[in-house]
Amino acid sequence: MGVGQNITADNAHWTFGGNVPDTFVDHIKLSVPLYEMGHGLICQVSDFLAQF
């Protein structure tokens, strides 16, 4: 079954192999609301918390 951005997955058989890594970020940006904003916030918080 096609899930978008040339990514296919059978029911309960999803894998991160094949061409998935090449198109995964594009797929997530379309699938997860506010992905880019959330990613940026996580990066900022982790930088703050990981200070030594």
PDB file of N, CA and C in Angstrom:
ATOM      1  N   MET A   1       0.848  -1.166   0.000  1.00  0.00           N
ATOM      2  CA  MET A   1       0.000   0.000   0.000  1.00  0.00           C
ATOM      3  C   MET A   1       0.898   1.235   0.000  1.00  0.00           C
ATOM      4  N   GLY A   2       0.595   2.203  -0.840  1.00  0.00           N
ATOM      5  CA  GLY A   2       1.359   3.439  -0.876  1.00  0.00           C
ATOM      6  C   GLY A   2       0.924   4.377   0.233  1.00  0.00           C
ATOM      7  N   VAL A   3       1.875   4.937   0.938  1.00  0.00           N
ATOM      8  CA  VAL A   3       1.557   5.865   2.020  1.00  0.00           C
ATOM      9  C   VAL A   3       1.997   7.289   1.695  1.00  0.00           C
ATOM     10  N   GLY A   4       2.571   7.503   0.510  1.00  0.00           N
ATOM     11  CA  GLY A   4       2.979   8.827   0.065  1.00  0.00           C
ATOM     12  C   GLY A   4       4.473   8.943  -0.100  1.00  0.00           C
ATOM     13  N   GLN A   5       4.886   9.904  -0.929  1.00  0.00           N
ATOM     14  CA  GLN A   5       6.293  10.192  -1.200  1.00  0.00           C
ATOM     15  C   GLN A   5       7.073   8.930  -1.574  1.00  0.00           C
ATOM     16  N   ASN A   6       6.479   8.078  -2.401  1.00  0.00           N
ATOM     17  CA  ASN A   6       7.103   6.835  -2.870  1.00  0.00           C
ATOM     18  C   ASN A   6       7.435   5.869  -1.736  1.00  0.00           C
ATOM     19  N   ILE A   7       6.720   5.971  -0.614  1.00  0.00           N
ATOM     20  CA  ILE A   7       6.878   5.056   0.507  1.00  0.00           C
ATOM     21  C   ILE A   7       5.720   4.071   0.464  1.00  0.00           C
ATOM     22  N   THR A   8       6.034   2.787   0.529  1.00  0.00           N
ATOM     23  CA  THR A   8       4.991   1.767   0.557  1.00  0.00           C
ATOM     24  C   THR A   8       5.133   0.935   1.829  1.00  0.00           C
ATOM     25  N   ALA A   9       4.003   0.439   2.309  1.00  0.00           N
ATOM     26  CA  ALA A   9       4.027  -0.389   3.510  1.00  0.00           C
ATOM     27  C   ALA A   9       2.796  -1.274   3.533  1.00  0.00           C
ATOM     28  N   ASP A  10       2.997  -2.556   3.730  1.00  0.00           N
ATOM     29  CA  ASP A  10       1.881  -3.458   3.942  1.00  0.00           C
ATOM     30  C   ASP A  10       1.418  -3.302   5.380  1.00  0.00           C
ATOM     31  N   ASN A  11       0.197  -3.677   5.645  1.00  0.00           N
ATOM     32  CA  ASN A  11      -0.352  -3.584   6.995  1.00  0.00           C
ATOM     33  C   ASN A  11       0.550  -4.325   7.978  1.00  0.00           C
ATOM     34  N   ALA A  12       1.010  -3.619   9.005  1.00  0.00           N
ATOM     35  CA  ALA A  12       1.850  -4.171  10.069  1.00  0.00           C
ATOM     36  C   ALA A  12       3.224  -4.629   9.589  1.00  0.00           C
ATOM     37  N   HIS A  13       3.677  -4.143   8.438  1.00  0.00           N
ATOM     38  CA  HIS A  13       5.001  -4.521   7.917  1.00  0.00           C
ATOM     39  C   HIS A  13       5.803  -3.300   7.485  1.00  0.00           C
ATOM     40  N   TRP A  14       5.723  -2.222   8.258  1.00  0.00           N
ATOM     41  CA  TRP A  14       6.446  -1.015   7.921  1.00  0.00           C
ATOM     42  C   TRP A  14       7.929  -1.228   8.187  1.00  0.00           C
ATOM     43  N   THR A  15       8.773  -0.690   7.320  1.00  0.00           N
ATOM     44  CA  THR A  15      10.216  -0.791   7.503  1.00  0.00           C
ATOM     45  C   THR A  15      10.866   0.541   7.140  1.00  0.00           C
ATOM     46  N   PHE A  16      12.017   0.794   7.678  1.00  0.00           N
ATOM     47  CA  PHE A  16      12.752   2.014   7.374  1.00  0.00           C
ATOM     48  C   PHE A  16      13.837   1.726   6.344  1.00  0.00           C
ATOM     49  N   GLY A  17      13.654   0.684   5.548  1.00  0.00           N
ATOM     50  CA  GLY A  17      14.630   0.311   4.530  1.00  0.00           C
ATOM     51  C   GLY A  17      14.253   0.863   3.167  1.00  0.00           C
ATOM     52  N   GLY A  18      14.946   0.390   2.156  1.00  0.00           N
ATOM     53  CA  GLY A  18      14.663   0.812   0.783  1.00  0.00           C
ATOM     54  C   GLY A  18      14.875   2.297   0.605  1.00  0.00           C
ATOM     55  N   ASN A  19      13.898   2.953  -0.055  1.00  0.00           N
ATOM     56  CA  ASN A  19      14.023   4.389  -0.312  1.00  0.00           C
ATOM     57  C   ASN A  19      13.361   5.239   0.770  1.00  0.00           C
ATOM     58  N   VAL A  20      12.877   4.628   1.846  1.00  0.00           N
ATOM     59  CA  VAL A  20      12.179   5.376   2.896  1.00  0.00           C
ATOM     60  C   VAL A  20      13.041   6.499   3.470  1.00  0.00           C
ATOM     61  N   PRO A  21      14.305   6.277   3.837  1.00  0.00           N
ATOM     62  CA  PRO A  21      15.094   7.382   4.405  1.00  0.00           C
ATOM     63  C   PRO A  21      15.226   8.580   3.463  1.00  0.00           C
ATOM     64  N   ASP A  22      15.181   8.336   2.154  1.00  0.00           N
ATOM     65  CA  ASP A  22      15.334   9.425   1.187  1.00  0.00           C
ATOM     66  C   ASP A  22      14.131  10.356   1.160  1.00  0.00           C
ATOM     67  N   THR A  23      12.964   9.862   1.507  1.00  0.00           N
ATOM     68  CA  THR A  23      11.739  10.650   1.388  1.00  0.00           C
ATOM     69  C   THR A  23      10.992  10.815   2.703  1.00  0.00           C
ATOM     70  N   PHE A  24      11.554  10.309   3.800  1.00  0.00           N
ATOM     71  CA  PHE A  24      10.842  10.278   5.072  1.00  0.00           C
ATOM     72  C   PHE A  24      10.501  11.669   5.598  1.00  0.00           C
ATOM     73  N   VAL A  25      11.441  12.599   5.566  1.00  0.00           N
ATOM     74  CA  VAL A  25      11.193  13.931   6.105  1.00  0.00           C
ATOM     75  C   VAL A  25      10.078  14.616   5.326  1.00  0.00           C
ATOM     76  N   ASP A  26      10.079  14.501   4.004  1.00  0.00           N
ATOM     77  CA  ASP A  26       9.001  15.089   3.205  1.00  0.00           C
ATOM     78  C   ASP A  26       7.657  14.476   3.587  1.00  0.00           C
ATOM     79  N   HIS A  27       7.634  13.174   3.796  1.00  0.00           N
ATOM     80  CA  HIS A  27       6.414  12.477   4.191  1.00  0.00           C
ATOM     81  C   HIS A  27       5.930  12.979   5.553  1.00  0.00           C
ATOM     82  N   ILE A  28       6.818  13.092   6.511  1.00  0.00           N
ATOM     83  CA  ILE A  28       6.447  13.538   7.855  1.00  0.00           C
ATOM     84  C   ILE A  28       5.941  14.976   7.833  1.00  0.00           C
ATOM     85  N   LYS A  29       6.591  15.843   7.061  1.00  0.00           N
ATOM     86  CA  LYS A  29       6.154  17.239   6.977  1.00  0.00           C
ATOM     87  C   LYS A  29       4.710  17.342   6.506  1.00  0.00           C
ATOM     88  N   LEU A  30       4.292  16.439   5.628  1.00  0.00           N
ATOM     89  CA  LEU A  30       2.919  16.443   5.137  1.00  0.00           C
ATOM     90  C   LEU A  30       1.964  15.707   6.068  1.00  0.00           C
ATOM     91  N   SER A  31       2.465  14.812   6.878  1.00  0.00           N
ATOM     92  CA  SER A  31       1.623  13.939   7.700  1.00  0.00           C
ATOM     93  C   SER A  31       1.434  14.422   9.133  1.00  0.00           C
ATOM     94  N   VAL A  32       2.390  15.166   9.661  1.00  0.00           N
ATOM     95  CA  VAL A  32       2.351  15.571  11.069  1.00  0.00           C
ATOM     96  C   VAL A  32       2.175  17.089  11.137  1.00  0.00           C
ATOM     97  N   PRO A  33       1.024  17.540  11.664  1.00  0.00           N
ATOM     98  CA  PRO A  33       0.822  18.988  11.778  1.00  0.00           C
ATOM     99  C   PRO A  33       1.915  19.641  12.632  1.00  0.00           C
ATOM    100  N   LEU A  34       2.409  20.772  12.186  1.00  0.00           N
ATOM    101  CA  LEU A  34       3.411  21.570  12.898  1.00  0.00           C
ATOM    102  C   LEU A  34       4.715  20.806  13.155  1.00  0.00           C
ATOM    103  N   TYR A  35       5.035  19.848  12.287  1.00  0.00           N
ATOM    104  CA  TYR A  35       6.253  19.048  12.452  1.00  0.00           C
ATOM    105  C   TYR A  35       7.496  19.934  12.557  1.00  0.00           C
ATOM    106  N   GLU A  36       7.643  20.856  11.618  1.00  0.00           N
ATOM    107  CA  GLU A  36       8.861  21.670  11.599  1.00  0.00           C
ATOM    108  C   GLU A  36       8.969  22.542  12.848  1.00  0.00           C
ATOM    109  N   MET A  37       7.858  23.124  13.298  1.00  0.00           N
ATOM    110  CA  MET A  37       7.887  23.938  14.500  1.00  0.00           C
ATOM    111  C   MET A  37       8.242  23.069  15.715  1.00  0.00           C
ATOM    112  N   GLY A  38       7.627  21.905  15.821  1.00  0.00           N
ATOM    113  CA  GLY A  38       7.918  21.003  16.932  1.00  0.00           C
ATOM    114  C   GLY A  38       9.363  20.539  16.918  1.00  0.00           C
ATOM    115  N   HIS A  39       9.878  20.243  15.741  1.00  0.00           N
ATOM    116  CA  HIS A  39      11.271  19.808  15.614  1.00  0.00           C
ATOM    117  C   HIS A  39      12.211  20.905  16.095  1.00  0.00           C
ATOM    118  N   GLY A  40      11.921  22.153  15.693  1.00  0.00           N
ATOM    119  CA  GLY A  40      12.747  23.276  16.127  1.00  0.00           C
ATOM    120  C   GLY A  40      12.702  23.472  17.636  1.00  0.00           C
ATOM    121  N   LEU A  41      11.513  23.351  18.215  1.00  0.00           N
ATOM    122  CA  LEU A  41      11.391  23.503  19.670  1.00  0.00           C
ATOM    123  C   LEU A  41      12.153  22.409  20.412  1.00  0.00           C
ATOM    124  N   ILE A  42      12.061  21.182  19.933  1.00  0.00           N
ATOM    125  CA  ILE A  42      12.793  20.078  20.561  1.00  0.00           C
ATOM    126  C   ILE A  42      14.293  20.316  20.479  1.00  0.00           C
ATOM    127  N   CYS A  43      14.764  20.810  19.353  1.00  0.00           N
ATOM    128  CA  CYS A  43      16.199  21.106  19.212  1.00  0.00           C
ATOM    129  C   CYS A  43      16.631  22.178  20.204  1.00  0.00           C
ATOM    130  N   GLN A  44      15.826  23.227  20.355  1.00  0.00           N
ATOM    131  CA  GLN A  44      16.174  24.301  21.290  1.00  0.00           C
ATOM    132  C   GLN A  44      16.184  23.796  22.733  1.00  0.00           C
ATOM    133  N   VAL A  45      15.171  23.040  23.103  1.00  0.00           N
ATOM    134  CA  VAL A  45      15.092  22.536  24.478  1.00  0.00           C
ATOM    135  C   VAL A  45      16.233  21.567  24.763  1.00  0.00           C
ATOM    136  N   SER A  46      16.526  20.676  23.804  1.00  0.00           N
ATOM    137  CA  SER A  46      17.598  19.711  24.043  1.00  0.00           C
ATOM    138  C   SER A  46      18.953  20.408  24.123  1.00  0.00           C
ATOM    139  N   ASP A  47      19.169  21.444  23.322  1.00  0.00           N
ATOM    140  CA  ASP A  47      20.414  22.205  23.432  1.00  0.00           C
ATOM    141  C   ASP A  47      20.535  22.840  24.819  1.00  0.00           C
ATOM    142  N   PHE A  48      19.435  23.383  25.332  1.00  0.00           N
ATOM    143  CA  PHE A  48      19.432  24.013  26.640  1.00  0.00           C
ATOM    144  C   PHE A  48      19.706  22.979  27.732  1.00  0.00           C
ATOM    145  N   LEU A  49      19.033  21.843  27.667  1.00  0.00           N
ATOM    146  CA  LEU A  49      19.161  20.825  28.713  1.00  0.00           C
ATOM    147  C   LEU A  49      20.482  20.051  28.642  1.00  0.00           C
ATOM    148  N   ALA A  50      21.107  20.015  27.478  1.00  0.00           N
ATOM    149  CA  ALA A  50      22.328  19.250  27.309  1.00  0.00           C
ATOM    150  C   ALA A  50      23.592  20.068  27.587  1.00  0.00           C
ATOM    151  N   GLN A  51      23.426  21.289  28.074  1.00  0.00           N
ATOM    152  CA  GLN A  51      24.599  22.120  28.365  1.00  0.00           C
ATOM    153  C   GLN A  51      25.398  21.512  29.499  1.00  0.00           C
ATOM    154  N   PHE A  52      26.709  21.558  29.356  1.00  0.00           N
ATOM    155  CA  PHE A  52      27.592  21.002  30.383  1.00  0.00           C
ATOM    156  C   PHE A  52      28.351  22.105  31.065  1.00  0.00           C
TER     157      PHE A  52
END
